[in-house]
């Protein structure tokens, strides 16, 4: 969601794997609407990929009882965090997205991201991002580069091949 060009690329992967026209149409919509320019929230690469401390943002959601956080592993050796949306959180998102189209975008993109990710775990998703040279080649403590132009070219090639 923070890198719409990476999402568009994943949708193109999905299109190539399944032939689902909805995937290529959504990728085209993302690129044509300039989402990668307007909605991108850059992340910095650290030792194990993109990283940003989540504590402040999540504490607000947790305090309002919009989410619950489940940790897997043992104390001092947490292996995975699972973030669960509560009924109260879902109701708040429904109400907020009905009030403002700008907020509905987050709901809609979160739905797409969840569909594309499926039941794939965080490590496997990160490994998919490392398949992108721009991501893998980003120096530590530098902003991860966009892939927008490469994805636009890929989309054009797929559309031309689809039209033939």
C-alpha atoms as a PDB file:
ATOM      1  CA  UNK A   1       0.000   0.000   0.000  1.00  0.00           C
ATOM      2  CA  UNK A   2       2.893   2.357   0.742  1.00  0.00           C
ATOM      3  CA  UNK A   3       4.452   1.590  -2.639  1.00  0.00           C
ATOM      4  CA  UNK A   4       1.668   1.386  -5.226  1.00  0.00           C
ATOM      5  CA  UNK A   5       4.153   0.621  -8.008  1.00  0.00           C
ATOM      6  CA  UNK A   6       5.246  -2.537  -6.179  1.00  0.00           C
ATOM      7  CA  UNK A   7       1.569  -3.474  -5.760  1.00  0.00           C
ATOM      8  CA  UNK A   8       0.955  -2.888  -9.479  1.00  0.00           C
ATOM      9  CA  UNK A   9       3.925  -5.134 -10.224  1.00  0.00           C
ATOM     10  CA  UNK A  10       2.479  -7.880  -8.015  1.00  0.00           C
ATOM     11  CA  UNK A  11      -0.845  -7.517  -9.836  1.00  0.00           C
ATOM     12  CA  UNK A  12       0.984  -7.998 -13.139  1.00  0.00           C
ATOM     13  CA  UNK A  13       2.599 -11.131 -11.700  1.00  0.00           C
ATOM     14  CA  UNK A  14      -0.883 -12.311 -10.758  1.00  0.00           C
ATOM     15  CA  UNK A  15      -2.150 -11.567 -14.264  1.00  0.00           C
ATOM     16  CA  UNK A  16       0.685 -13.542 -15.836  1.00  0.00           C
ATOM     17  CA  UNK A  17       0.027 -16.479 -13.509  1.00  0.00           C
ATOM     18  CA  UNK A  18      -3.768 -16.573 -13.792  1.00  0.00           C
ATOM     19  CA  UNK A  19      -4.773 -14.514 -16.823  1.00  0.00           C
ATOM     20  CA  UNK A  20      -7.256 -12.644 -14.614  1.00  0.00           C
ATOM     21  CA  UNK A  21      -8.114  -9.431 -16.514  1.00  0.00           C
ATOM     22  CA  UNK A  22      -9.067  -7.690 -13.256  1.00  0.00           C
ATOM     23  CA  UNK A  23      -5.437  -7.836 -12.130  1.00  0.00           C
ATOM     24  CA  UNK A  24      -4.040  -6.085 -15.205  1.00  0.00           C
ATOM     25  CA  UNK A  25      -6.914  -3.561 -15.178  1.00  0.00           C
ATOM     26  CA  UNK A  26      -6.236  -2.644 -11.556  1.00  0.00           C
ATOM     27  CA  UNK A  27      -2.491  -2.376 -12.222  1.00  0.00           C
ATOM     28  CA  UNK A  28      -3.268  -0.016 -15.097  1.00  0.00           C
ATOM     29  CA  UNK A  29      -5.635   2.013 -12.921  1.00  0.00           C
ATOM     30  CA  UNK A  30      -2.958   2.342 -10.219  1.00  0.00           C
ATOM     31  CA  UNK A  31      -0.403   3.597 -12.729  1.00  0.00           C
ATOM     32  CA  UNK A  32      -2.785   5.824 -14.718  1.00  0.00           C
ATOM     33  CA  UNK A  33      -4.097   7.524 -11.576  1.00  0.00           C
ATOM     34  CA  UNK A  34      -0.537   8.425 -10.550  1.00  0.00           C
ATOM     35  CA  UNK A  35      -0.857   6.537  -7.263  1.00  0.00           C
ATOM     36  CA  UNK A  36       2.882   5.725  -7.233  1.00  0.00           C
ATOM     37  CA  UNK A  37       3.620   9.463  -7.278  1.00  0.00           C
ATOM     38  CA  UNK A  38       0.783  10.700  -5.080  1.00  0.00           C
ATOM     39  CA  UNK A  39       0.368   7.909  -2.519  1.00  0.00           C
ATOM     40  CA  UNK A  40       3.900   6.607  -2.097  1.00  0.00           C
ATOM     41  CA  UNK A  41       5.216   6.640   1.455  1.00  0.00           C
ATOM     42  CA  UNK A  42       8.937   5.855   1.183  1.00  0.00           C
ATOM     43  CA  UNK A  43      10.573   3.364   3.487  1.00  0.00           C
ATOM     44  CA  UNK A  44      14.200   2.960   4.480  1.00  0.00           C
ATOM     45  CA  UNK A  45      16.065  -0.306   3.997  1.00  0.00           C
ATOM     46  CA  UNK A  46      17.609  -1.794   7.092  1.00  0.00           C
ATOM     47  CA  UNK A  47      19.293  -5.145   7.689  1.00  0.00           C
ATOM     48  CA  UNK A  48      16.242  -7.271   6.964  1.00  0.00           C
ATOM     49  CA  UNK A  49      14.397  -5.096   4.453  1.00  0.00           C
ATOM     50  CA  UNK A  50      12.034  -2.162   4.729  1.00  0.00           C
ATOM     51  CA  UNK A  51      11.532  -1.046   8.295  1.00  0.00           C
ATOM     52  CA  UNK A  52       9.650   1.546  10.228  1.00  0.00           C
ATOM     53  CA  UNK A  53       8.841   1.497  13.934  1.00  0.00           C
ATOM     54  CA  UNK A  54       5.148   0.720  14.329  1.00  0.00           C
ATOM     55  CA  UNK A  55       4.729   1.368  18.030  1.00  0.00           C
ATOM     56  CA  UNK A  56       3.308   4.913  17.859  1.00  0.00           C
ATOM     57  CA  UNK A  57       0.739   4.239  15.124  1.00  0.00           C
ATOM     58  CA  UNK A  58      -0.289   0.888  16.548  1.00  0.00           C
ATOM     59  CA  UNK A  59      -0.571   2.215  20.103  1.00  0.00           C
ATOM     60  CA  UNK A  60      -3.301   4.623  18.964  1.00  0.00           C
ATOM     61  CA  UNK A  61      -5.231   1.808  17.269  1.00  0.00           C
ATOM     62  CA  UNK A  62      -4.699  -0.510  20.248  1.00  0.00           C
ATOM     63  CA  UNK A  63      -5.776   2.120  22.793  1.00  0.00           C
ATOM     64  CA  UNK A  64      -8.999   2.667  20.836  1.00  0.00           C
ATOM     65  CA  UNK A  65      -9.465  -1.129  20.767  1.00  0.00           C
ATOM     66  CA  UNK A  66      -9.454  -1.132  16.948  1.00  0.00           C
ATOM     67  CA  UNK A  67      -6.764  -3.822  16.804  1.00  0.00           C
ATOM     68  CA  UNK A  68      -5.295  -6.604  18.899  1.00  0.00           C
ATOM     69  CA  UNK A  69      -1.716  -7.742  18.613  1.00  0.00           C
ATOM     70  CA  UNK A  70      -0.895 -11.408  18.945  1.00  0.00           C
ATOM     71  CA  UNK A  71       2.728 -12.460  19.342  1.00  0.00           C
ATOM     72  CA  UNK A  72       3.999 -15.890  18.384  1.00  0.00           C
ATOM     73  CA  UNK A  73       7.055 -17.305  20.076  1.00  0.00           C
ATOM     74  CA  UNK A  74       8.251 -16.999  23.627  1.00  0.00           C
ATOM     75  CA  UNK A  75       8.884 -13.918  25.768  1.00  0.00           C
ATOM     76  CA  UNK A  76      12.158 -12.389  24.633  1.00  0.00           C
ATOM     77  CA  UNK A  77      12.031 -14.448  21.426  1.00  0.00           C
ATOM     78  CA  UNK A  78       8.993 -13.206  19.524  1.00  0.00           C
ATOM     79  CA  UNK A  79       9.064 -14.711  16.043  1.00  0.00           C
ATOM     80  CA  UNK A  80       6.000 -13.085  14.545  1.00  0.00           C
ATOM     81  CA  UNK A  81       3.437 -10.384  15.261  1.00  0.00           C
ATOM     82  CA  UNK A  82      -0.118 -10.906  14.075  1.00  0.00           C
ATOM     83  CA  UNK A  83      -2.321  -7.817  13.876  1.00  0.00           C
ATOM     84  CA  UNK A  84      -6.021  -8.489  14.246  1.00  0.00           C
ATOM     85  CA  UNK A  85      -8.732  -6.009  13.354  1.00  0.00           C
ATOM     86  CA  UNK A  86     -11.463  -5.999  15.991  1.00  0.00           C
ATOM     87  CA  UNK A  87     -15.180  -5.622  15.325  1.00  0.00           C
ATOM     88  CA  UNK A  88     -14.927  -2.117  16.752  1.00  0.00           C
ATOM     89  CA  UNK A  89     -12.065  -1.366  14.346  1.00  0.00           C
ATOM     90  CA  UNK A  90     -13.975  -2.736  11.363  1.00  0.00           C
ATOM     91  CA  UNK A  91     -17.040  -0.676  12.303  1.00  0.00           C
ATOM     92  CA  UNK A  92     -14.896   2.460  12.640  1.00  0.00           C
ATOM     93  CA  UNK A  93     -13.302   1.845   9.235  1.00  0.00           C
ATOM     94  CA  UNK A  94     -16.712   1.361   7.638  1.00  0.00           C
ATOM     95  CA  UNK A  95     -18.000   4.592   9.149  1.00  0.00           C
ATOM     96  CA  UNK A  96     -14.885   6.605   8.274  1.00  0.00           C
ATOM     97  CA  UNK A  97     -14.652   5.295   4.715  1.00  0.00           C
ATOM     98  CA  UNK A  98     -18.320   6.155   4.164  1.00  0.00           C
ATOM     99  CA  UNK A  99     -17.597   9.736   5.250  1.00  0.00           C
ATOM    100  CA  UNK A 100     -14.570  10.375   3.065  1.00  0.00           C
ATOM    101  CA  UNK A 101     -13.505   8.954  -0.285  1.00  0.00           C
ATOM    102  CA  UNK A 102      -9.875   9.560   0.682  1.00  0.00           C
ATOM    103  CA  UNK A 103     -10.236   7.103   3.556  1.00  0.00           C
ATOM    104  CA  UNK A 104     -12.135   4.609   1.411  1.00  0.00           C
ATOM    105  CA  UNK A 105      -8.985   4.349  -0.710  1.00  0.00           C
ATOM    106  CA  UNK A 106      -7.121   2.810   2.255  1.00  0.00           C
ATOM    107  CA  UNK A 107      -9.874   0.263   2.790  1.00  0.00           C
ATOM    108  CA  UNK A 108      -9.925  -0.635  -0.892  1.00  0.00           C
ATOM    109  CA  UNK A 109      -6.156  -0.935  -1.227  1.00  0.00           C
ATOM    110  CA  UNK A 110      -5.889  -2.935   1.997  1.00  0.00           C
ATOM    111  CA  UNK A 111      -8.375  -5.385   0.492  1.00  0.00           C
ATOM    112  CA  UNK A 112      -6.243  -5.698  -2.649  1.00  0.00           C
ATOM    113  CA  UNK A 113      -3.021  -6.092  -0.663  1.00  0.00           C
ATOM    114  CA  UNK A 114      -4.609  -8.798   1.505  1.00  0.00           C
ATOM    115  CA  UNK A 115      -5.871 -10.630  -1.586  1.00  0.00           C
ATOM    116  CA  UNK A 116      -2.491 -10.480  -3.339  1.00  0.00           C
ATOM    117  CA  UNK A 117      -0.629 -11.552  -0.186  1.00  0.00           C
ATOM    118  CA  UNK A 118      -3.062 -14.377   0.546  1.00  0.00           C
ATOM    119  CA  UNK A 119      -1.847 -16.492   3.438  1.00  0.00           C
ATOM    120  CA  UNK A 120       1.812 -15.808   2.627  1.00  0.00           C
ATOM    121  CA  UNK A 121       3.835 -14.909   5.707  1.00  0.00           C
ATOM    122  CA  UNK A 122       5.877 -11.757   6.203  1.00  0.00           C
ATOM    123  CA  UNK A 123       9.241 -13.339   5.377  1.00  0.00           C
ATOM    124  CA  UNK A 124       7.975 -14.791   2.098  1.00  0.00           C
ATOM    125  CA  UNK A 125       6.444 -11.426   1.160  1.00  0.00           C
ATOM    126  CA  UNK A 126       9.722  -9.684   1.939  1.00  0.00           C
ATOM    127  CA  UNK A 127      11.563 -12.254  -0.194  1.00  0.00           C
ATOM    128  CA  UNK A 128       9.251 -11.366  -3.096  1.00  0.00           C
ATOM    129  CA  UNK A 129      10.244  -7.718  -2.758  1.00  0.00           C
ATOM    130  CA  UNK A 130      13.924  -8.687  -2.837  1.00  0.00           C
ATOM    131  CA  UNK A 131      13.323 -10.087  -6.334  1.00  0.00           C
ATOM    132  CA  UNK A 132      13.159  -6.439  -7.451  1.00  0.00           C
ATOM    133  CA  UNK A 133      16.672  -5.178  -8.177  1.00  0.00           C
ATOM    134  CA  UNK A 134      15.806  -1.670  -6.987  1.00  0.00           C
ATOM    135  CA  UNK A 135      14.794  -3.067  -3.598  1.00  0.00           C
ATOM    136  CA  UNK A 136      17.659  -5.540  -3.262  1.00  0.00           C
ATOM    137  CA  UNK A 137      20.303  -3.043  -4.381  1.00  0.00           C
ATOM    138  CA  UNK A 138      19.218  -0.236  -2.055  1.00  0.00           C
ATOM    139  CA  UNK A 139      22.023   0.553   0.353  1.00  0.00           C
ATOM    140  CA  UNK A 140      21.357   0.165   4.067  1.00  0.00           C
ATOM    141  CA  UNK A 141      19.732   3.224   5.655  1.00  0.00           C
ATOM    142  CA  UNK A 142      18.688   4.598   2.245  1.00  0.00           C
ATOM    143  CA  UNK A 143      15.182   5.018   0.863  1.00  0.00           C
ATOM    144  CA  UNK A 144      14.008   2.054  -1.204  1.00  0.00           C
ATOM    145  CA  UNK A 145      13.776   3.122  -4.839  1.00  0.00           C
ATOM    146  CA  UNK A 146      10.507   3.161  -6.787  1.00  0.00           C
ATOM    147  CA  UNK A 147       9.952   0.816  -9.751  1.00  0.00           C
ATOM    148  CA  UNK A 148       7.229   2.850 -11.420  1.00  0.00           C
ATOM    149  CA  UNK A 149       8.783   3.326 -14.858  1.00  0.00           C
ATOM    150  CA  UNK A 150       9.791  -0.325 -15.170  1.00  0.00           C
ATOM    151  CA  UNK A 151       6.274  -1.430 -14.185  1.00  0.00           C
ATOM    152  CA  UNK A 152       4.736   0.997 -16.730  1.00  0.00           C
ATOM    153  CA  UNK A 153       6.883  -0.540 -19.471  1.00  0.00           C
ATOM    154  CA  UNK A 154       5.955  -4.042 -18.334  1.00  0.00           C
ATOM    155  CA  UNK A 155       2.262  -3.116 -18.346  1.00  0.00           C
ATOM    156  CA  UNK A 156       2.531  -1.705 -21.878  1.00  0.00           C
ATOM    157  CA  UNK A 157       4.214  -4.892 -23.111  1.00  0.00           C
ATOM    158  CA  UNK A 158       1.531  -7.063 -21.496  1.00  0.00           C
ATOM    159  CA  UNK A 159      -1.273  -4.918 -22.903  1.00  0.00           C
ATOM    160  CA  UNK A 160       0.221  -5.078 -26.397  1.00  0.00           C
ATOM    161  CA  UNK A 161       0.639  -8.840 -26.110  1.00  0.00           C
ATOM    162  CA  UNK A 162      -2.928  -9.156 -24.852  1.00  0.00           C
ATOM    163  CA  UNK A 163      -4.286  -7.080 -27.735  1.00  0.00           C
ATOM    164  CA  UNK A 164      -2.574  -9.250 -30.346  1.00  0.00           C
END
